[in-house]
Amino acid sequence: MAIAVACPLLGGGAPKTVPVPPAATPVPQNLEPLQEHCLAIADIRASRVVSDEAVILFLKDGRVVVMRLKRACPQLLFHRRFRFAGEMGQICAELDRIVTRAGLRCSIAGFSLLPCEGMAGPAKPSWCRPPFSTADSQPPSSLSSPPESP
């Protein structure tokens, strides 16, 4: 979605089309903290930016985790893109950061488990719906088991 804006201070003339920032998706508060202080980047299957303060992580084992940032990370929701700035293949709360498309570094405050297990259909909250087809999912056992030899 975009809106047209005319600004006399910027030369006036024909209105310019400016993208409208997406609305933040509310994520539950008071969630149980994840026992792990660090997550392996290789264990993250997908992510969804839901606000300038939170990112939903879909893990390969089926868990859905919210990664909260220490403070608002400007333009994170607008661009919906970031990269991890973790060390040794993992990201750790209170230690590592994400880097936005605009180059801003934002510290990770912590991880919490979202209560998505057992939810299905229309009752399933939007933050529990992965950004990929669940038909593409492999069972967790096939992710860690090596192929059998003939």
N, C-alpha and C. Protein backbone atom coordinates (compact mmCIF):
# COMPACT_ATOMS: atom_id res chain seq x y z
N MET A 1 0.85 -1.17 0.00
CA MET A 1 0.00 0.00 0.00
C MET A 1 0.89 1.23 0.00
N ALA A 2 0.45 2.32 -0.65
CA ALA A 2 1.23 3.55 -0.72
C ALA A 2 0.27 4.72 -0.66
N ILE A 3 0.78 5.87 -0.24
CA ILE A 3 0.00 7.09 -0.22
C ILE A 3 0.74 8.13 -1.05
N ALA A 4 0.01 9.11 -1.57
CA ALA A 4 0.63 10.18 -2.34
C ALA A 4 0.81 11.38 -1.42
N VAL A 5 2.00 11.99 -1.46
CA VAL A 5 2.32 13.11 -0.59
C VAL A 5 2.87 14.24 -1.44
N ALA A 6 2.39 15.47 -1.22
CA ALA A 6 2.95 16.66 -1.86
C ALA A 6 3.53 17.53 -0.76
N CYS A 7 4.78 17.94 -0.92
CA CYS A 7 5.43 18.75 0.10
C CYS A 7 6.08 19.96 -0.57
N PRO A 8 5.56 21.18 -0.30
CA PRO A 8 6.11 22.36 -0.94
C PRO A 8 7.58 22.60 -0.59
N LEU A 9 8.02 22.14 0.59
CA LEU A 9 9.41 22.34 0.99
C LEU A 9 10.37 21.47 0.20
N LEU A 10 9.86 20.42 -0.40
CA LEU A 10 10.71 19.51 -1.18
C LEU A 10 10.53 19.74 -2.68
N GLY A 11 10.14 20.93 -3.06
CA GLY A 11 10.03 21.24 -4.48
C GLY A 11 8.61 21.22 -5.00
N GLY A 12 7.65 20.89 -4.15
CA GLY A 12 6.24 20.90 -4.57
C GLY A 12 6.01 19.98 -5.74
N GLY A 13 5.23 20.47 -6.72
CA GLY A 13 4.97 19.68 -7.91
C GLY A 13 4.04 18.53 -7.64
N ALA A 14 4.15 17.52 -8.49
CA ALA A 14 3.28 16.35 -8.39
C ALA A 14 3.55 15.59 -7.10
N PRO A 15 2.50 15.02 -6.53
CA PRO A 15 2.69 14.24 -5.31
C PRO A 15 3.61 13.05 -5.55
N LYS A 16 4.37 12.71 -4.55
CA LYS A 16 5.26 11.55 -4.58
C LYS A 16 4.56 10.39 -3.89
N THR A 17 4.79 9.18 -4.38
CA THR A 17 4.21 8.00 -3.75
C THR A 17 5.18 7.50 -2.69
N VAL A 18 4.66 7.35 -1.47
CA VAL A 18 5.46 6.94 -0.33
C VAL A 18 4.83 5.67 0.25
N PRO A 19 5.62 4.61 0.47
CA PRO A 19 5.02 3.41 1.05
C PRO A 19 4.55 3.66 2.48
N VAL A 20 3.43 3.04 2.83
CA VAL A 20 2.89 3.14 4.18
C VAL A 20 3.55 2.07 5.03
N PRO A 21 4.10 2.45 6.20
CA PRO A 21 4.72 1.43 7.05
C PRO A 21 3.69 0.40 7.49
N PRO A 22 4.11 -0.87 7.56
CA PRO A 22 3.17 -1.91 8.01
C PRO A 22 2.81 -1.73 9.47
N ALA A 23 1.65 -2.23 9.84
CA ALA A 23 1.22 -2.16 11.24
C ALA A 23 1.89 -3.29 12.02
N ALA A 24 2.22 -3.00 13.26
CA ALA A 24 2.83 -4.01 14.13
C ALA A 24 1.80 -5.06 14.51
N THR A 25 2.24 -6.29 14.66
CA THR A 25 1.38 -7.39 15.10
C THR A 25 1.59 -7.56 16.60
N PRO A 26 0.53 -7.44 17.40
CA PRO A 26 0.72 -7.61 18.85
C PRO A 26 1.11 -9.04 19.19
N VAL A 27 2.09 -9.17 20.06
CA VAL A 27 2.57 -10.47 20.53
C VAL A 27 2.29 -10.51 22.02
N PRO A 28 1.86 -11.66 22.54
CA PRO A 28 1.54 -11.75 23.97
C PRO A 28 2.71 -11.31 24.86
N GLN A 29 2.37 -10.68 25.96
CA GLN A 29 3.37 -10.31 26.96
C GLN A 29 3.40 -11.42 28.02
N ASN A 30 4.27 -11.32 28.98
CA ASN A 30 4.37 -12.27 30.11
C ASN A 30 4.52 -13.72 29.65
N LEU A 31 5.34 -13.93 28.63
CA LEU A 31 5.60 -15.28 28.16
C LEU A 31 6.71 -15.92 28.99
N GLU A 32 6.70 -17.22 29.02
CA GLU A 32 7.74 -17.95 29.74
C GLU A 32 9.06 -17.82 29.00
N PRO A 33 10.12 -17.38 29.69
CA PRO A 33 11.42 -17.27 29.02
C PRO A 33 11.91 -18.65 28.57
N LEU A 34 12.58 -18.66 27.46
CA LEU A 34 13.17 -19.89 26.95
C LEU A 34 14.31 -20.30 27.85
N GLN A 35 14.47 -21.59 28.10
CA GLN A 35 15.54 -22.05 28.97
C GLN A 35 16.91 -21.76 28.36
N GLU A 36 16.98 -21.89 27.03
CA GLU A 36 18.25 -21.62 26.35
C GLU A 36 18.50 -20.12 26.31
N HIS A 37 19.71 -19.74 26.61
CA HIS A 37 20.12 -18.34 26.52
C HIS A 37 20.61 -18.03 25.10
N CYS A 38 20.99 -19.09 24.37
CA CYS A 38 21.49 -18.96 23.00
C CYS A 38 20.73 -19.92 22.08
N LEU A 39 20.61 -19.54 20.80
CA LEU A 39 20.01 -20.39 19.78
C LEU A 39 21.01 -20.55 18.64
N ALA A 40 21.11 -21.76 18.10
CA ALA A 40 21.95 -21.99 16.93
C ALA A 40 21.25 -21.38 15.72
N ILE A 41 21.97 -20.60 14.96
CA ILE A 41 21.38 -19.96 13.78
C ILE A 41 20.89 -21.03 12.80
N ALA A 42 21.60 -22.15 12.71
CA ALA A 42 21.20 -23.23 11.80
C ALA A 42 19.86 -23.87 12.21
N ASP A 43 19.43 -23.69 13.46
CA ASP A 43 18.16 -24.25 13.94
C ASP A 43 16.97 -23.36 13.62
N ILE A 44 17.21 -22.17 13.07
CA ILE A 44 16.13 -21.24 12.75
C ILE A 44 15.71 -21.48 11.31
N ARG A 45 14.45 -21.88 11.13
CA ARG A 45 13.95 -22.18 9.79
C ARG A 45 13.47 -20.93 9.08
N ALA A 46 12.81 -20.03 9.81
CA ALA A 46 12.27 -18.81 9.22
C ALA A 46 12.05 -17.78 10.31
N SER A 47 11.81 -16.55 9.91
CA SER A 47 11.54 -15.47 10.87
C SER A 47 10.45 -14.57 10.32
N ARG A 48 9.80 -13.86 11.23
CA ARG A 48 8.78 -12.87 10.84
C ARG A 48 8.94 -11.67 11.76
N VAL A 49 9.23 -10.51 11.17
CA VAL A 49 9.32 -9.28 11.95
C VAL A 49 7.89 -8.84 12.26
N VAL A 50 7.57 -8.66 13.55
CA VAL A 50 6.22 -8.28 13.93
C VAL A 50 6.13 -6.87 14.51
N SER A 51 7.28 -6.28 14.86
CA SER A 51 7.31 -4.92 15.35
C SER A 51 8.77 -4.45 15.34
N ASP A 52 9.00 -3.22 15.75
CA ASP A 52 10.37 -2.72 15.87
C ASP A 52 11.05 -3.27 17.11
N GLU A 53 10.32 -4.02 17.95
CA GLU A 53 10.87 -4.58 19.19
C GLU A 53 10.88 -6.10 19.24
N ALA A 54 10.25 -6.78 18.26
CA ALA A 54 10.12 -8.24 18.35
C ALA A 54 10.16 -8.90 16.99
N VAL A 55 10.75 -10.10 16.98
CA VAL A 55 10.83 -10.94 15.78
C VAL A 55 10.41 -12.35 16.20
N ILE A 56 9.53 -12.98 15.42
CA ILE A 56 9.13 -14.35 15.67
C ILE A 56 10.10 -15.26 14.92
N LEU A 57 10.63 -16.27 15.62
CA LEU A 57 11.54 -17.24 15.02
C LEU A 57 10.84 -18.60 14.97
N PHE A 58 10.83 -19.21 13.81
CA PHE A 58 10.26 -20.55 13.63
C PHE A 58 11.44 -21.52 13.59
N LEU A 59 11.54 -22.38 14.61
CA LEU A 59 12.66 -23.29 14.71
C LEU A 59 12.37 -24.60 13.99
N LYS A 60 13.43 -25.27 13.57
CA LYS A 60 13.29 -26.52 12.83
C LYS A 60 12.62 -27.62 13.65
N ASP A 61 12.71 -27.54 14.99
CA ASP A 61 12.08 -28.56 15.83
C ASP A 61 10.59 -28.30 16.07
N GLY A 62 10.05 -27.25 15.41
CA GLY A 62 8.62 -26.95 15.52
C GLY A 62 8.26 -25.89 16.54
N ARG A 63 9.20 -25.52 17.40
CA ARG A 63 8.91 -24.48 18.38
C ARG A 63 8.83 -23.12 17.69
N VAL A 64 8.03 -22.24 18.28
CA VAL A 64 7.91 -20.86 17.82
C VAL A 64 8.35 -19.97 18.97
N VAL A 65 9.34 -19.13 18.70
CA VAL A 65 9.99 -18.33 19.73
C VAL A 65 9.90 -16.85 19.36
N VAL A 66 9.65 -16.00 20.35
CA VAL A 66 9.72 -14.57 20.12
C VAL A 66 11.08 -14.08 20.62
N MET A 67 11.77 -13.35 19.75
CA MET A 67 13.05 -12.73 20.11
C MET A 67 12.75 -11.26 20.37
N ARG A 68 12.90 -10.84 21.62
CA ARG A 68 12.65 -9.45 21.97
C ARG A 68 13.97 -8.68 21.95
N LEU A 69 13.87 -7.42 21.54
CA LEU A 69 15.04 -6.55 21.50
C LEU A 69 15.04 -5.65 22.72
N LYS A 70 16.21 -5.17 23.12
CA LYS A 70 16.31 -4.33 24.32
C LYS A 70 15.53 -3.04 24.19
N ARG A 71 15.50 -2.48 22.99
CA ARG A 71 14.73 -1.26 22.75
C ARG A 71 14.27 -1.27 21.30
N ALA A 72 13.40 -0.36 20.96
CA ALA A 72 12.88 -0.29 19.59
C ALA A 72 14.03 -0.14 18.60
N CYS A 73 13.94 -0.86 17.51
CA CYS A 73 14.96 -0.85 16.47
C CYS A 73 14.33 -0.17 15.25
N PRO A 74 14.58 1.15 15.08
CA PRO A 74 13.90 1.91 14.03
C PRO A 74 14.02 1.28 12.64
N GLN A 75 12.92 1.26 11.95
CA GLN A 75 12.77 0.78 10.58
C GLN A 75 12.86 -0.73 10.43
N LEU A 76 12.95 -1.47 11.52
CA LEU A 76 12.95 -2.93 11.42
C LEU A 76 11.64 -3.43 10.83
N LEU A 77 10.52 -2.96 11.35
CA LEU A 77 9.21 -3.38 10.84
C LEU A 77 8.99 -2.86 9.43
N PHE A 78 9.44 -1.66 9.13
CA PHE A 78 9.25 -1.08 7.80
C PHE A 78 9.92 -1.94 6.74
N HIS A 79 11.19 -2.30 6.96
CA HIS A 79 11.93 -3.09 5.96
C HIS A 79 11.67 -4.59 6.09
N ARG A 80 11.33 -5.04 7.31
CA ARG A 80 11.08 -6.46 7.58
C ARG A 80 12.27 -7.33 7.20
N ARG A 81 13.45 -6.78 7.25
CA ARG A 81 14.68 -7.52 6.92
C ARG A 81 15.74 -7.24 7.98
N PHE A 82 16.52 -8.26 8.31
CA PHE A 82 17.63 -8.09 9.24
C PHE A 82 18.58 -9.25 9.03
N ARG A 83 19.72 -9.16 9.63
CA ARG A 83 20.65 -10.29 9.65
C ARG A 83 21.15 -10.45 11.07
N PHE A 84 21.59 -11.64 11.39
CA PHE A 84 22.13 -11.90 12.72
C PHE A 84 23.60 -11.49 12.75
N ALA A 85 24.00 -10.93 13.87
CA ALA A 85 25.41 -10.59 14.08
C ALA A 85 25.92 -11.42 15.25
N GLY A 86 25.73 -12.73 15.15
CA GLY A 86 26.15 -13.63 16.22
C GLY A 86 27.52 -14.21 15.95
N GLU A 87 28.08 -14.78 16.97
CA GLU A 87 29.41 -15.39 16.88
C GLU A 87 29.27 -16.91 16.89
N MET A 88 30.14 -17.58 16.20
CA MET A 88 30.25 -19.04 16.23
C MET A 88 28.94 -19.75 15.93
N GLY A 89 28.14 -19.22 14.99
CA GLY A 89 26.94 -19.90 14.55
C GLY A 89 25.76 -19.86 15.49
N GLN A 90 25.79 -18.98 16.48
CA GLN A 90 24.65 -18.87 17.38
C GLN A 90 24.38 -17.41 17.73
N ILE A 91 23.17 -17.18 18.23
CA ILE A 91 22.81 -15.85 18.73
C ILE A 91 22.45 -16.01 20.19
N CYS A 92 22.92 -15.09 21.01
CA CYS A 92 22.71 -15.17 22.45
C CYS A 92 22.07 -13.89 22.97
N ALA A 93 21.10 -14.05 23.86
CA ALA A 93 20.47 -12.91 24.52
C ALA A 93 21.50 -12.20 25.38
N GLU A 94 21.35 -10.89 25.48
CA GLU A 94 22.23 -10.04 26.29
C GLU A 94 23.67 -9.97 25.76
N LEU A 95 23.92 -10.58 24.61
CA LEU A 95 25.28 -10.59 24.07
C LEU A 95 25.32 -10.18 22.59
N ASP A 96 24.43 -10.76 21.79
CA ASP A 96 24.46 -10.53 20.34
C ASP A 96 23.43 -9.51 19.89
N ARG A 97 23.52 -9.18 18.61
CA ARG A 97 22.65 -8.17 18.01
C ARG A 97 22.14 -8.65 16.66
N ILE A 98 21.09 -7.98 16.21
CA ILE A 98 20.68 -8.11 14.82
C ILE A 98 21.09 -6.82 14.13
N VAL A 99 21.20 -6.87 12.82
CA VAL A 99 21.55 -5.69 12.04
C VAL A 99 20.43 -5.49 11.03
N THR A 100 19.82 -4.30 11.03
CA THR A 100 18.72 -4.02 10.12
C THR A 100 19.25 -3.73 8.72
N ARG A 101 18.33 -3.67 7.78
CA ARG A 101 18.69 -3.35 6.39
C ARG A 101 19.32 -1.96 6.31
N ALA A 102 18.92 -1.07 7.22
CA ALA A 102 19.48 0.29 7.25
C ALA A 102 20.83 0.33 7.96
N GLY A 103 21.31 -0.81 8.48
CA GLY A 103 22.61 -0.87 9.13
C GLY A 103 22.60 -0.63 10.63
N LEU A 104 21.42 -0.48 11.23
CA LEU A 104 21.34 -0.27 12.68
C LEU A 104 21.56 -1.58 13.42
N ARG A 105 22.33 -1.52 14.49
CA ARG A 105 22.58 -2.70 15.32
C ARG A 105 21.67 -2.63 16.54
N CYS A 106 20.94 -3.71 16.78
CA CYS A 106 19.97 -3.74 17.87
C CYS A 106 20.21 -4.97 18.74
N SER A 107 20.37 -4.75 20.04
CA SER A 107 20.71 -5.82 20.98
C SER A 107 19.51 -6.71 21.28
N ILE A 108 19.79 -8.01 21.40
CA ILE A 108 18.78 -9.00 21.73
C ILE A 108 18.61 -9.05 23.25
N ALA A 109 17.38 -8.83 23.73
CA ALA A 109 17.10 -8.86 25.17
C ALA A 109 16.89 -10.29 25.66
N GLY A 110 16.15 -11.08 24.90
CA GLY A 110 15.87 -12.44 25.33
C GLY A 110 14.95 -13.18 24.39
N PHE A 111 14.73 -14.47 24.68
CA PHE A 111 13.87 -15.33 23.89
C PHE A 111 12.77 -15.89 24.78
N SER A 112 11.55 -15.98 24.23
CA SER A 112 10.42 -16.58 24.95
C SER A 112 9.69 -17.53 24.03
N LEU A 113 9.19 -18.61 24.60
CA LEU A 113 8.44 -19.60 23.85
C LEU A 113 7.00 -19.14 23.67
N LEU A 114 6.51 -19.16 22.43
CA LEU A 114 5.11 -18.82 22.17
C LEU A 114 4.27 -20.08 22.32
N PRO A 115 3.09 -19.98 22.93
CA PRO A 115 2.25 -21.17 23.14
C PRO A 115 1.47 -21.53 21.88
N CYS A 116 2.14 -22.18 20.93
CA CYS A 116 1.52 -22.52 19.65
C CYS A 116 1.19 -24.00 19.50
N GLU A 117 1.79 -24.84 20.32
CA GLU A 117 1.58 -26.29 20.21
C GLU A 117 0.12 -26.63 20.42
N GLY A 118 -0.41 -27.49 19.55
CA GLY A 118 -1.78 -27.96 19.67
C GLY A 118 -2.82 -27.01 19.08
N MET A 119 -2.40 -25.85 18.61
CA MET A 119 -3.36 -24.91 18.00
C MET A 119 -3.44 -25.19 16.50
N ALA A 120 -4.65 -25.13 15.96
CA ALA A 120 -4.83 -25.37 14.53
C ALA A 120 -6.01 -24.56 14.01
N GLY A 121 -6.06 -24.44 12.70
CA GLY A 121 -7.19 -23.78 12.05
C GLY A 121 -7.27 -22.30 12.32
N PRO A 122 -8.48 -21.73 12.19
CA PRO A 122 -8.66 -20.29 12.34
C PRO A 122 -8.39 -19.78 13.75
N ALA A 123 -8.44 -20.68 14.74
CA ALA A 123 -8.18 -20.26 16.13
C ALA A 123 -6.69 -20.02 16.37
N LYS A 124 -5.85 -20.48 15.45
CA LYS A 124 -4.41 -20.34 15.61
C LYS A 124 -4.02 -18.88 15.39
N PRO A 125 -3.38 -18.23 16.37
CA PRO A 125 -2.99 -16.82 16.22
C PRO A 125 -2.03 -16.63 15.05
N SER A 126 -2.03 -15.46 14.46
CA SER A 126 -1.21 -15.19 13.27
C SER A 126 0.27 -15.40 13.55
N TRP A 127 0.73 -15.12 14.78
CA TRP A 127 2.16 -15.26 15.05
C TRP A 127 2.58 -16.72 15.09
N CYS A 128 1.63 -17.66 15.20
CA CYS A 128 1.96 -19.08 15.22
C CYS A 128 1.96 -19.69 13.83
N ARG A 129 1.52 -18.95 12.83
CA ARG A 129 1.46 -19.48 11.47
C ARG A 129 2.79 -19.21 10.77
N PRO A 130 3.50 -20.27 10.39
CA PRO A 130 4.81 -20.07 9.76
C PRO A 130 4.68 -19.45 8.37
N PRO A 131 5.72 -18.72 7.93
CA PRO A 131 5.69 -18.10 6.60
C PRO A 131 6.09 -19.08 5.50
N PHE A 132 5.83 -20.37 5.71
CA PHE A 132 6.12 -21.40 4.73
C PHE A 132 5.04 -22.46 4.84
N SER A 133 4.90 -23.25 3.83
CA SER A 133 3.90 -24.30 3.82
C SER A 133 4.32 -25.41 4.77
N THR A 134 3.41 -25.83 5.63
CA THR A 134 3.76 -26.91 6.55
C THR A 134 3.90 -28.23 5.80
N ALA A 135 3.40 -28.32 4.57
CA ALA A 135 3.60 -29.52 3.75
C ALA A 135 5.08 -29.66 3.38
N ASP A 136 5.82 -28.52 3.38
CA ASP A 136 7.25 -28.55 3.07
C ASP A 136 8.07 -29.01 4.26
N SER A 137 7.43 -29.11 5.42
CA SER A 137 8.17 -29.46 6.64
C SER A 137 8.59 -30.92 6.63
N GLN A 138 9.75 -31.15 7.20
CA GLN A 138 10.20 -32.51 7.40
C GLN A 138 10.06 -32.80 8.89
N PRO A 139 9.81 -34.04 9.26
CA PRO A 139 9.75 -34.35 10.68
C PRO A 139 11.11 -34.06 11.33
N PRO A 140 11.12 -33.61 12.59
CA PRO A 140 12.38 -33.28 13.25
C PRO A 140 13.39 -34.42 13.21
N SER A 141 12.95 -35.68 13.26
CA SER A 141 13.90 -36.79 13.26
C SER A 141 14.69 -36.84 11.96
N SER A 142 14.07 -36.44 10.83
CA SER A 142 14.78 -36.50 9.56
C SER A 142 15.78 -35.36 9.43
N LEU A 143 15.67 -34.35 10.28
CA LEU A 143 16.61 -33.24 10.22
C LEU A 143 17.96 -33.61 10.82
N SER A 144 17.93 -34.51 11.80
CA SER A 144 19.18 -34.83 12.48
C SER A 144 19.73 -36.21 12.14
N SER A 145 18.93 -37.05 11.48
CA SER A 145 19.40 -38.39 11.17
C SER A 145 20.14 -38.41 9.84
N PRO A 146 21.29 -39.06 9.79
CA PRO A 146 21.98 -39.19 8.51
C PRO A 146 21.26 -40.20 7.64
N PRO A 147 21.40 -40.10 6.32
CA PRO A 147 20.75 -41.08 5.45
C PRO A 147 21.34 -42.47 5.69
N GLU A 148 20.48 -43.47 5.54
CA GLU A 148 20.94 -44.84 5.77
C GLU A 148 21.78 -45.32 4.59
N SER A 149 22.78 -46.12 4.87
CA SER A 149 23.64 -46.69 3.83
C SER A 149 23.01 -47.97 3.31
N PRO A 150 23.17 -48.25 1.99
CA PRO A 150 22.61 -49.52 1.45
C PRO A 150 23.38 -50.72 1.91
